[in-house]
C-alpha atoms as a PDB file:
ATOM      1  CA  MET A   1      91.351 119.242  91.370  1.00  0.00           C
ATOM      2  CA  ALA A   2      91.441 117.040  88.302  1.00  0.00           C
ATOM      3  CA  THR A   3      94.011 114.294  87.872  1.00  0.00           C
ATOM      4  CA  ARG A   4      95.162 112.379  84.824  1.00  0.00           C
ATOM      5  CA  VAL A   5      95.749 109.103  86.680  1.00  0.00           C
ATOM      6  CA  ASP A   6      94.207 107.362  89.690  1.00  0.00           C
ATOM      7  CA  VAL A   7      94.491 103.874  91.179  1.00  0.00           C
ATOM      8  CA  THR A   8      91.775 101.505  92.363  1.00  0.00           C
ATOM      9  CA  PRO A   9      91.848 100.169  95.938  1.00  0.00           C
ATOM     10  CA  ALA A  10      93.020  96.780  94.587  1.00  0.00           C
ATOM     11  CA  ALA A  11      95.903  98.407  92.702  1.00  0.00           C
ATOM     12  CA  ALA A  12      96.811 100.462  95.788  1.00  0.00           C
ATOM     13  CA  GLY A  13      97.005  97.266  97.856  1.00  0.00           C
ATOM     14  CA  LEU A  14      99.340  95.656  95.351  1.00  0.00           C
ATOM     15  CA  LEU A  15     101.471  98.799  95.192  1.00  0.00           C
ATOM     16  CA  ARG A  16     101.866  98.720  98.992  1.00  0.00           C
ATOM     17  CA  ARG A  17     103.092  95.093  98.813  1.00  0.00           C
ATOM     18  CA  LEU A  18     105.425  95.824  95.904  1.00  0.00           C
ATOM     19  CA  ARG A  19     106.771  98.906  97.722  1.00  0.00           C
ATOM     20  CA  GLU A  20     107.664  96.736 100.745  1.00  0.00           C
ATOM     21  CA  GLN A  21     109.566  94.325  98.495  1.00  0.00           C
ATOM     22  CA  HIS A  22     111.208  96.688  96.004  1.00  0.00           C
ATOM     23  CA  GLY A  23     111.341 100.194  97.479  1.00  0.00           C
ATOM     24  CA  PRO A  24     110.010 103.326  95.701  1.00  0.00           C
ATOM     25  CA  LEU A  25     108.007 102.616  92.550  1.00  0.00           C
ATOM     26  CA  MET A  26     107.181 104.102  89.170  1.00  0.00           C
ATOM     27  CA  PHE A  27     104.924 103.265  86.225  1.00  0.00           C
ATOM     28  CA  HIS A  28     105.587 103.644  82.537  1.00  0.00           C
ATOM     29  CA  GLN A  29     102.629 103.144  80.236  1.00  0.00           C
ATOM     30  CA  SER A  30     103.755 100.700  77.585  1.00  0.00           C
ATOM     31  CA  GLY A  31     102.921 101.780  74.063  1.00  0.00           C
ATOM     32  CA  GLY A  32     102.711  98.280  72.632  1.00  0.00           C
ATOM     33  CA  CYS A  33     105.816  96.266  71.815  1.00  0.00           C
ATOM     34  CA  CYS A  34     106.404  92.917  73.510  1.00  0.00           C
ATOM     35  CA  ASP A  35     104.330  93.544  76.640  1.00  0.00           C
ATOM     36  CA  GLY A  36     101.248  94.947  74.939  1.00  0.00           C
ATOM     37  CA  SER A  37      99.933  98.240  76.254  1.00  0.00           C
ATOM     38  CA  SER A  38      99.966  97.586  79.986  1.00  0.00           C
ATOM     39  CA  PRO A  39     101.090 100.005  82.657  1.00  0.00           C
ATOM     40  CA  MET A  40     104.443  98.584  83.687  1.00  0.00           C
ATOM     41  CA  CYS A  41     105.631  98.947  87.287  1.00  0.00           C
ATOM     42  CA  PHE A  42     109.342  99.268  88.077  1.00  0.00           C
ATOM     43  CA  PRO A  43     111.515 100.293  90.994  1.00  0.00           C
ATOM     44  CA  GLU A  44     111.717 104.100  90.754  1.00  0.00           C
ATOM     45  CA  GLY A  45     114.426 105.063  88.271  1.00  0.00           C
ATOM     46  CA  GLU A  46     114.909 101.567  86.829  1.00  0.00           C
ATOM     47  CA  PHE A  47     113.094 102.549  83.645  1.00  0.00           C
ATOM     48  CA  ARG A  48     115.018 105.444  82.161  1.00  0.00           C
ATOM     49  CA  THR A  49     112.832 108.405  81.263  1.00  0.00           C
ATOM     50  CA  GLY A  50     113.944 111.367  79.221  1.00  0.00           C
ATOM     51  CA  ARG A  51     112.770 114.235  77.074  1.00  0.00           C
ATOM     52  CA  SER A  52     110.625 111.841  75.030  1.00  0.00           C
ATOM     53  CA  ASP A  53     108.550 110.983  78.142  1.00  0.00           C
ATOM     54  CA  VAL A  54     105.812 112.879  79.973  1.00  0.00           C
ATOM     55  CA  LEU A  55     105.162 112.674  83.722  1.00  0.00           C
ATOM     56  CA  LEU A  56     101.367 112.391  83.890  1.00  0.00           C
ATOM     57  CA  GLU A  57     100.996 112.127  87.651  1.00  0.00           C
ATOM     58  CA  SER A  58     102.807 111.654  90.940  1.00  0.00           C
ATOM     59  CA  LEU A  59     100.328 109.344  92.623  1.00  0.00           C
ATOM     60  CA  ALA A  60      99.748 109.578  96.360  1.00  0.00           C
ATOM     61  CA  VAL A  61      98.952 106.008  97.398  1.00  0.00           C
ATOM     62  CA  GLU A  62      97.836 105.458 100.986  1.00  0.00           C
ATOM     63  CA  GLY A  63     100.474 103.432 102.826  1.00  0.00           C
ATOM     64  CA  VAL A  64     103.229 104.255 100.312  1.00  0.00           C
ATOM     65  CA  PRO A  65     105.566 106.896 101.778  1.00  0.00           C
ATOM     66  CA  GLU A  66     106.517 108.594  98.497  1.00  0.00           C
ATOM     67  CA  PRO A  67     104.608 109.332  95.296  1.00  0.00           C
ATOM     68  CA  VAL A  68     104.448 106.641  92.616  1.00  0.00           C
ATOM     69  CA  THR A  69     105.282 108.411  89.361  1.00  0.00           C
ATOM     70  CA  PHE A  70     103.353 107.582  86.186  1.00  0.00           C
ATOM     71  CA  TRP A  71     105.094 108.203  82.848  1.00  0.00           C
ATOM     72  CA  MET A  72     104.165 107.851  79.180  1.00  0.00           C
ATOM     73  CA  SER A  73     105.978 108.579  75.931  1.00  0.00           C
ATOM     74  CA  ALA A  74     105.275 112.068  74.588  1.00  0.00           C
ATOM     75  CA  ALA A  75     104.031 110.631  71.277  1.00  0.00           C
ATOM     76  CA  GLN A  76     101.526 108.385  73.071  1.00  0.00           C
ATOM     77  CA  PHE A  77     100.474 111.220  75.391  1.00  0.00           C
ATOM     78  CA  GLU A  78      99.613 113.316  72.328  1.00  0.00           C
ATOM     79  CA  LEU A  79      96.996 110.681  71.474  1.00  0.00           C
ATOM     80  CA  TRP A  80      95.820 110.109  75.066  1.00  0.00           C
ATOM     81  CA  LYS A  81      95.923 113.671  76.448  1.00  0.00           C
ATOM     82  CA  HIS A  82      92.110 113.837  76.612  1.00  0.00           C
ATOM     83  CA  THR A  83      91.926 110.630  78.655  1.00  0.00           C
ATOM     84  CA  HIS A  84      91.757 109.915  82.375  1.00  0.00           C
ATOM     85  CA  LEU A  85      93.509 106.668  83.315  1.00  0.00           C
ATOM     86  CA  THR A  86      92.717 104.426  86.252  1.00  0.00           C
ATOM     87  CA  VAL A  87      95.270 101.768  87.156  1.00  0.00           C
ATOM     88  CA  ASP A  88      93.535  98.558  88.225  1.00  0.00           C
ATOM     89  CA  VAL A  89      94.739  95.024  88.910  1.00  0.00           C
ATOM     90  CA  VAL A  90      93.164  91.780  87.708  1.00  0.00           C
ATOM     91  CA  PRO A  91      94.094  88.093  87.860  1.00  0.00           C
ATOM     92  CA  GLY A  92      96.355  86.993  85.044  1.00  0.00           C
ATOM     93  CA  ARG A  93      99.883  86.996  83.785  1.00  0.00           C
ATOM     94  CA  GLY A  94     101.604  90.324  84.318  1.00  0.00           C
ATOM     95  CA  ALA A  95     103.896  92.005  81.834  1.00  0.00           C
ATOM     96  CA  GLY A  96     107.228  90.165  81.735  1.00  0.00           C
ATOM     97  CA  PHE A  97     109.257  93.184  82.847  1.00  0.00           C
ATOM     98  CA  SER A  98     106.754  94.566  85.358  1.00  0.00           C
ATOM     99  CA  LEU A  99     107.120  93.917  89.105  1.00  0.00           C
ATOM    100  CA  GLU A 100     103.709  92.263  89.497  1.00  0.00           C
ATOM    101  CA  ALA A 101     104.530  89.484  86.980  1.00  0.00           C
ATOM    102  CA  PRO A 102     105.326  86.834  89.654  1.00  0.00           C
ATOM    103  CA  GLU A 103     102.207  87.737  91.696  1.00  0.00           C
ATOM    104  CA  GLY A 104      99.666  86.030  89.390  1.00  0.00           C
ATOM    105  CA  VAL A 105      98.015  89.380  88.638  1.00  0.00           C
ATOM    106  CA  ARG A 106      98.526  92.183  86.173  1.00  0.00           C
ATOM    107  CA  PHE A 107      98.030  95.904  86.146  1.00  0.00           C
ATOM    108  CA  LEU A 108      95.709  97.272  83.485  1.00  0.00           C
ATOM    109  CA  ILE A 109      94.328 100.643  82.508  1.00  0.00           C
ATOM    110  CA  ARG A 110      90.679 101.600  82.577  1.00  0.00           C
ATOM    111  CA  SER A 111      90.083 104.849  80.740  1.00  0.00           C
ATOM    112  CA  ARG A 112      87.481 107.501  80.119  1.00  0.00           C
ATOM    113  CA  LEU A 113      87.488 110.856  78.390  1.00  0.00           C
ATOM    114  CA  LEU A 114      88.257 113.824  80.595  1.00  0.00           C
ATOM    115  CA  THR A 115      85.429 116.325  80.956  1.00  0.00           C
ATOM    116  CA  GLU A 116      85.839 119.843  79.577  1.00  0.00           C
ATOM    117  CA  GLU A 117      86.128 121.113  83.166  1.00  0.00           C
ATOM    118  CA  GLU A 118      88.849 118.585  83.988  1.00  0.00           C
ATOM    119  CA  LEU A 119      90.769 119.482  80.824  1.00  0.00           C
ATOM    120  CA  ALA A 120      90.545 123.187  81.633  1.00  0.00           C
ATOM    121  CA  SER A 121      91.872 122.633  85.180  1.00  0.00           C
ATOM    122  CA  LEU A 122      94.755 120.484  83.891  1.00  0.00           C
ATOM    123  CA  ARG A 123      95.890 123.217  81.483  1.00  0.00           C
ATOM    124  CA  HIS A 124      96.628 125.578  84.370  1.00  0.00           C
END
């Protein structure tokens, strides 16, 4: 089964630590603005989503008891709908509003085009 979003083992490890500290988590893919275009991690529900947002994936992360939701604005999704996203973590300054900011690391997105087969399975 195709997915739109996955996480690397390093990102999963950070999500487990952040879950212990902050409770259930969510991502919203920033579309630019003051924090660039990083995936931003929040306590679930802290970032208000609405009709202008798309839920791309409910990520099952080993060691995290509930799914970590991954959201994006509908306008940005229109441009990225053919793309598979992988959340990774690297050393550096995190986004100012994102939970990993004090950890000395930051989440980032690695992307690739979805295959025709993946796209077809995601349409159903």
